[in-house]
Amino acid sequence: MMDSMWNLDLDDNTLVSVPPAQVVIQQCKYLEQITEGRVFAKVPKYSGSLNSFELTTAVDKPRPLPLRRYNPNTVDAIESLDDLGNVSDMYLTYEFFLSSPITPRYKYRIMLFSYVVGQYPVDIILAEDIAFEVQMEVDFSCASEEDFVNVLARVINSKKVKQVIKALNEMSKQGIPT
């Protein structure tokens, strides 16, 4: 019998960075503490379209505008194996939004982000108003955990995000449902 070739130490965390979703989830917990539960942020898995649509007239059909940097028609041979299905299924994709207990049907989407299990780079699609304010592209990638943390700090400290949080907080304090 042959010996194992797996030279693997699962307790060695030197090669592992914090997954992007976990970075955002931790910030969600802080927001809920700061607002005493009146405002919350969530990071659910996202399975919707990663495309924007452009309508030139009211009767035109939507024309998708790709927002992802990779070419969806170009597939690495290892990713094209039949048992993997769609290449987009290989990505862990999340949305990051704000809401409150008093506005359960409302959500302000801050961004979508996507990455493979290897964690970085992480692809980000920002809400246009936030991207404009913080002078960033709508669609871009962060190569490392440090880059992602820096971008997240800029985004959650934008005037727009603070404005939405303050409005939701005030509505919750006053008990004004939507």
C-alpha atoms as a PDB file:
ATOM      1  CA  MET A   1       0.000   0.000   0.000  1.00  0.00           C
ATOM      2  CA  MET A   2       1.218   3.491  -0.861  1.00  0.00           C
ATOM      3  CA  ASP A   3       1.695   6.202   1.793  1.00  0.00           C
ATOM      4  CA  SER A   4      -0.431   9.344   1.703  1.00  0.00           C
ATOM      5  CA  MET A   5       0.950  12.180  -0.400  1.00  0.00           C
ATOM      6  CA  TRP A   6      -1.207  14.761   1.377  1.00  0.00           C
ATOM      7  CA  ASN A   7       1.300  16.882   3.254  1.00  0.00           C
ATOM      8  CA  LEU A   8      -1.469  18.891   4.850  1.00  0.00           C
ATOM      9  CA  ASP A   9      -1.794  20.653   8.199  1.00  0.00           C
ATOM     10  CA  LEU A  10      -5.408  21.848   8.506  1.00  0.00           C
ATOM     11  CA  ASP A  11      -4.603  23.728  11.726  1.00  0.00           C
ATOM     12  CA  ASP A  12      -2.044  25.948   9.927  1.00  0.00           C
ATOM     13  CA  ASN A  13      -3.855  29.234   9.261  1.00  0.00           C
ATOM     14  CA  THR A  14      -0.913  31.031   7.657  1.00  0.00           C
ATOM     15  CA  LEU A  15      -2.269  30.449   4.148  1.00  0.00           C
ATOM     16  CA  VAL A  16      -5.868  31.408   4.909  1.00  0.00           C
ATOM     17  CA  SER A  17      -7.278  34.908   4.803  1.00  0.00           C
ATOM     18  CA  VAL A  18     -10.667  35.928   6.141  1.00  0.00           C
ATOM     19  CA  PRO A  19     -13.331  35.202   3.500  1.00  0.00           C
ATOM     20  CA  PRO A  20     -14.876  38.382   2.058  1.00  0.00           C
ATOM     21  CA  ALA A  21     -18.377  37.403   3.222  1.00  0.00           C
ATOM     22  CA  GLN A  22     -17.101  36.992   6.792  1.00  0.00           C
ATOM     23  CA  VAL A  23     -15.488  40.453   6.686  1.00  0.00           C
ATOM     24  CA  VAL A  24     -18.847  41.993   5.705  1.00  0.00           C
ATOM     25  CA  ILE A  25     -20.861  39.874   8.155  1.00  0.00           C
ATOM     26  CA  GLN A  26     -18.709  41.146  11.024  1.00  0.00           C
ATOM     27  CA  GLN A  27     -19.473  44.732   9.993  1.00  0.00           C
ATOM     28  CA  CYS A  28     -23.186  43.851   9.888  1.00  0.00           C
ATOM     29  CA  LYS A  29     -22.970  42.720  13.514  1.00  0.00           C
ATOM     30  CA  TYR A  30     -21.317  45.995  14.510  1.00  0.00           C
ATOM     31  CA  LEU A  31     -24.047  48.033  12.794  1.00  0.00           C
ATOM     32  CA  GLU A  32     -26.789  46.136  14.591  1.00  0.00           C
ATOM     33  CA  GLN A  33     -25.043  46.768  17.935  1.00  0.00           C
ATOM     34  CA  ILE A  34     -24.511  50.469  17.185  1.00  0.00           C
ATOM     35  CA  THR A  35     -28.171  51.005  16.229  1.00  0.00           C
ATOM     36  CA  GLU A  36     -29.464  48.724  18.997  1.00  0.00           C
ATOM     37  CA  GLY A  37     -31.185  46.575  16.394  1.00  0.00           C
ATOM     38  CA  ARG A  38     -33.099  49.428  14.750  1.00  0.00           C
ATOM     39  CA  VAL A  39     -31.080  49.063  11.525  1.00  0.00           C
ATOM     40  CA  PHE A  40     -29.445  45.948  10.197  1.00  0.00           C
ATOM     41  CA  ALA A  41     -27.308  44.909   7.280  1.00  0.00           C
ATOM     42  CA  LYS A  42     -27.491  41.456   5.733  1.00  0.00           C
ATOM     43  CA  VAL A  43     -25.238  39.418   3.478  1.00  0.00           C
ATOM     44  CA  PRO A  44     -27.359  36.663   1.934  1.00  0.00           C
ATOM     45  CA  LYS A  45     -26.211  34.528  -0.952  1.00  0.00           C
ATOM     46  CA  TYR A  46     -27.258  36.056  -4.245  1.00  0.00           C
ATOM     47  CA  SER A  47     -28.355  34.111  -7.303  1.00  0.00           C
ATOM     48  CA  GLY A  48     -29.785  36.894  -9.468  1.00  0.00           C
ATOM     49  CA  SER A  49     -28.326  38.485 -12.547  1.00  0.00           C
ATOM     50  CA  LEU A  50     -24.982  40.234 -12.425  1.00  0.00           C
ATOM     51  CA  ASN A  51     -25.946  42.320 -15.439  1.00  0.00           C
ATOM     52  CA  SER A  52     -27.453  45.761 -15.735  1.00  0.00           C
ATOM     53  CA  PHE A  53     -30.032  46.465 -18.373  1.00  0.00           C
ATOM     54  CA  GLU A  54     -30.394  49.404 -20.694  1.00  0.00           C
ATOM     55  CA  LEU A  55     -33.754  50.444 -22.092  1.00  0.00           C
ATOM     56  CA  THR A  56     -33.617  52.907 -24.963  1.00  0.00           C
ATOM     57  CA  THR A  57     -37.398  53.277 -25.206  1.00  0.00           C
ATOM     58  CA  ALA A  58     -40.336  51.993 -23.188  1.00  0.00           C
ATOM     59  CA  VAL A  59     -41.127  49.333 -25.792  1.00  0.00           C
ATOM     60  CA  ASP A  60     -37.584  48.035 -26.241  1.00  0.00           C
ATOM     61  CA  LYS A  61     -36.527  44.793 -24.671  1.00  0.00           C
ATOM     62  CA  PRO A  62     -33.776  45.011 -22.072  1.00  0.00           C
ATOM     63  CA  ARG A  63     -30.272  44.731 -23.453  1.00  0.00           C
ATOM     64  CA  PRO A  64     -27.893  43.228 -20.893  1.00  0.00           C
ATOM     65  CA  LEU A  65     -24.756  45.182 -20.095  1.00  0.00           C
ATOM     66  CA  PRO A  66     -22.141  42.855 -18.629  1.00  0.00           C
ATOM     67  CA  LEU A  67     -20.654  44.144 -15.404  1.00  0.00           C
ATOM     68  CA  ARG A  68     -18.167  41.358 -14.765  1.00  0.00           C
ATOM     69  CA  ARG A  69     -14.573  41.785 -15.856  1.00  0.00           C
ATOM     70  CA  TYR A  70     -14.131  38.214 -17.016  1.00  0.00           C
ATOM     71  CA  ASN A  71     -15.440  37.142 -20.384  1.00  0.00           C
ATOM     72  CA  PRO A  72     -18.279  34.657 -19.743  1.00  0.00           C
ATOM     73  CA  ASN A  73     -17.618  33.078 -23.158  1.00  0.00           C
ATOM     74  CA  THR A  74     -14.036  32.200 -22.239  1.00  0.00           C
ATOM     75  CA  VAL A  75     -13.794  29.183 -19.988  1.00  0.00           C
ATOM     76  CA  ASP A  76     -10.700  27.618 -18.508  1.00  0.00           C
ATOM     77  CA  ALA A  77     -10.522  23.931 -19.435  1.00  0.00           C
ATOM     78  CA  ILE A  78     -10.585  22.871 -15.794  1.00  0.00           C
ATOM     79  CA  GLU A  79     -13.781  24.874 -15.243  1.00  0.00           C
ATOM     80  CA  SER A  80     -15.555  23.413 -18.255  1.00  0.00           C
ATOM     81  CA  LEU A  81     -15.881  19.869 -16.938  1.00  0.00           C
ATOM     82  CA  ASP A  82     -19.468  18.658 -17.223  1.00  0.00           C
ATOM     83  CA  ASP A  83     -19.907  17.885 -13.535  1.00  0.00           C
ATOM     84  CA  LEU A  84     -19.239  21.520 -12.566  1.00  0.00           C
ATOM     85  CA  GLY A  85     -22.180  22.858 -14.541  1.00  0.00           C
ATOM     86  CA  ASN A  86     -22.281  26.578 -15.177  1.00  0.00           C
ATOM     87  CA  VAL A  87     -19.042  28.483 -14.529  1.00  0.00           C
ATOM     88  CA  SER A  88     -21.008  31.090 -12.561  1.00  0.00           C
ATOM     89  CA  ASP A  89     -21.911  28.310 -10.107  1.00  0.00           C
ATOM     90  CA  MET A  90     -18.251  28.209  -9.081  1.00  0.00           C
ATOM     91  CA  TYR A  91     -18.525  31.699  -7.604  1.00  0.00           C
ATOM     92  CA  LEU A  92     -19.791  32.478  -4.127  1.00  0.00           C
ATOM     93  CA  THR A  93     -21.938  35.536  -4.743  1.00  0.00           C
ATOM     94  CA  TYR A  94     -23.508  37.707  -2.056  1.00  0.00           C
ATOM     95  CA  GLU A  95     -25.482  40.900  -1.809  1.00  0.00           C
ATOM     96  CA  PHE A  96     -24.932  43.420   0.963  1.00  0.00           C
ATOM     97  CA  PHE A  97     -27.948  45.524   1.917  1.00  0.00           C
ATOM     98  CA  LEU A  98     -29.474  47.670   4.652  1.00  0.00           C
ATOM     99  CA  SER A  99     -32.953  47.374   6.131  1.00  0.00           C
ATOM    100  CA  SER A 100     -34.745  47.569   9.478  1.00  0.00           C
ATOM    101  CA  PRO A 101     -37.297  45.562  11.438  1.00  0.00           C
ATOM    102  CA  ILE A 102     -39.876  48.282  10.801  1.00  0.00           C
ATOM    103  CA  THR A 103     -39.274  48.186   7.008  1.00  0.00           C
ATOM    104  CA  PRO A 104     -39.113  44.451   6.273  1.00  0.00           C
ATOM    105  CA  ARG A 105     -39.933  44.835   2.562  1.00  0.00           C
ATOM    106  CA  TYR A 106     -37.375  47.586   1.972  1.00  0.00           C
ATOM    107  CA  LYS A 107     -33.717  47.041   1.314  1.00  0.00           C
ATOM    108  CA  TYR A 108     -31.031  49.382   0.153  1.00  0.00           C
ATOM    109  CA  ARG A 109     -28.506  47.319  -1.784  1.00  0.00           C
ATOM    110  CA  ILE A 110     -24.989  48.583  -1.195  1.00  0.00           C
ATOM    111  CA  MET A 111     -23.175  46.092  -3.380  1.00  0.00           C
ATOM    112  CA  LEU A 112     -22.869  42.627  -4.809  1.00  0.00           C
ATOM    113  CA  PHE A 113     -19.624  40.725  -4.412  1.00  0.00           C
ATOM    114  CA  SER A 114     -18.373  37.446  -5.763  1.00  0.00           C
ATOM    115  CA  TYR A 115     -15.335  35.211  -5.351  1.00  0.00           C
ATOM    116  CA  VAL A 116     -14.213  31.624  -5.721  1.00  0.00           C
ATOM    117  CA  VAL A 117     -13.437  29.429  -2.753  1.00  0.00           C
ATOM    118  CA  GLY A 118      -9.801  30.586  -2.950  1.00  0.00           C
ATOM    119  CA  GLN A 119     -11.307  33.868  -1.649  1.00  0.00           C
ATOM    120  CA  TYR A 120      -9.330  36.565  -3.450  1.00  0.00           C
ATOM    121  CA  PRO A 121      -9.619  38.332  -5.773  1.00  0.00           C
ATOM    122  CA  VAL A 122     -13.172  39.431  -5.009  1.00  0.00           C
ATOM    123  CA  ASP A 123     -15.282  41.047  -7.735  1.00  0.00           C
ATOM    124  CA  ILE A 124     -17.486  43.920  -6.577  1.00  0.00           C
ATOM    125  CA  ILE A 125     -20.451  45.669  -8.145  1.00  0.00           C
ATOM    126  CA  LEU A 126     -21.263  48.838  -6.209  1.00  0.00           C
ATOM    127  CA  ALA A 127     -24.534  50.756  -6.190  1.00  0.00           C
ATOM    128  CA  GLU A 128     -24.035  53.534  -8.743  1.00  0.00           C
ATOM    129  CA  ASP A 129     -24.749  56.378  -6.319  1.00  0.00           C
ATOM    130  CA  ILE A 130     -22.150  55.078  -3.873  1.00  0.00           C
ATOM    131  CA  ALA A 131     -19.594  54.461  -6.622  1.00  0.00           C
ATOM    132  CA  PHE A 132     -20.063  58.021  -7.870  1.00  0.00           C
ATOM    133  CA  GLU A 133     -19.722  59.479  -4.386  1.00  0.00           C
ATOM    134  CA  VAL A 134     -16.572  57.572  -3.408  1.00  0.00           C
ATOM    135  CA  GLN A 135     -15.134  58.032  -6.913  1.00  0.00           C
ATOM    136  CA  MET A 136     -14.799  54.349  -7.715  1.00  0.00           C
ATOM    137  CA  GLU A 137     -15.866  52.273 -10.669  1.00  0.00           C
ATOM    138  CA  VAL A 138     -19.178  50.436 -10.376  1.00  0.00           C
ATOM    139  CA  ASP A 139     -17.501  47.141 -11.297  1.00  0.00           C
ATOM    140  CA  PHE A 140     -14.002  46.280 -10.074  1.00  0.00           C
ATOM    141  CA  SER A 141     -11.917  43.680  -8.253  1.00  0.00           C
ATOM    142  CA  CYS A 142      -9.959  43.657  -5.020  1.00  0.00           C
ATOM    143  CA  ALA A 143      -6.841  41.513  -5.219  1.00  0.00           C
ATOM    144  CA  SER A 144      -6.350  40.977  -1.495  1.00  0.00           C
ATOM    145  CA  GLU A 145      -8.071  41.023   1.877  1.00  0.00           C
ATOM    146  CA  GLU A 146      -6.373  44.341   2.639  1.00  0.00           C
ATOM    147  CA  ASP A 147      -7.751  45.908  -0.563  1.00  0.00           C
ATOM    148  CA  PHE A 148     -11.234  44.569   0.182  1.00  0.00           C
ATOM    149  CA  VAL A 149     -11.208  45.882   3.773  1.00  0.00           C
ATOM    150  CA  ASN A 150     -10.109  49.319   2.551  1.00  0.00           C
ATOM    151  CA  VAL A 151     -12.850  49.443  -0.094  1.00  0.00           C
ATOM    152  CA  LEU A 152     -15.473  48.247   2.392  1.00  0.00           C
ATOM    153  CA  ALA A 153     -14.457  50.981   4.852  1.00  0.00           C
ATOM    154  CA  ARG A 154     -14.834  53.647   2.148  1.00  0.00           C
ATOM    155  CA  VAL A 155     -18.204  52.279   1.083  1.00  0.00           C
ATOM    156  CA  ILE A 156     -19.816  51.896   4.519  1.00  0.00           C
ATOM    157  CA  ASN A 157     -18.585  55.342   5.514  1.00  0.00           C
ATOM    158  CA  SER A 158     -19.994  57.012   2.408  1.00  0.00           C
ATOM    159  CA  LYS A 159     -22.510  59.810   2.895  1.00  0.00           C
ATOM    160  CA  LYS A 160     -25.160  57.781   1.050  1.00  0.00           C
ATOM    161  CA  VAL A 161     -24.850  54.730   3.305  1.00  0.00           C
ATOM    162  CA  LYS A 162     -24.828  56.925   6.419  1.00  0.00           C
ATOM    163  CA  GLN A 163     -27.900  58.783   5.115  1.00  0.00           C
ATOM    164  CA  VAL A 164     -29.835  55.541   4.624  1.00  0.00           C
ATOM    165  CA  ILE A 165     -28.804  54.243   8.057  1.00  0.00           C
ATOM    166  CA  LYS A 166     -29.828  57.486   9.749  1.00  0.00           C
ATOM    167  CA  ALA A 167     -33.195  57.527   7.957  1.00  0.00           C
ATOM    168  CA  LEU A 168     -33.940  53.896   8.844  1.00  0.00           C
ATOM    169  CA  ASN A 169     -32.808  54.492  12.419  1.00  0.00           C
ATOM    170  CA  GLU A 170     -35.066  57.524  12.811  1.00  0.00           C
ATOM    171  CA  MET A 171     -38.054  55.709  11.303  1.00  0.00           C
ATOM    172  CA  SER A 172     -37.471  52.816  13.691  1.00  0.00           C
ATOM    173  CA  LYS A 173     -37.207  55.131  16.689  1.00  0.00           C
ATOM    174  CA  GLN A 174     -40.496  56.791  15.759  1.00  0.00           C
ATOM    175  CA  GLY A 175     -42.220  53.542  14.851  1.00  0.00           C
ATOM    176  CA  ILE A 176     -43.045  54.658  11.307  1.00  0.00           C
ATOM    177  CA  PRO A 177     -43.666  51.572   9.154  1.00  0.00           C
ATOM    178  CA  THR A 178     -43.500  51.663   5.370  1.00  0.00           C
END
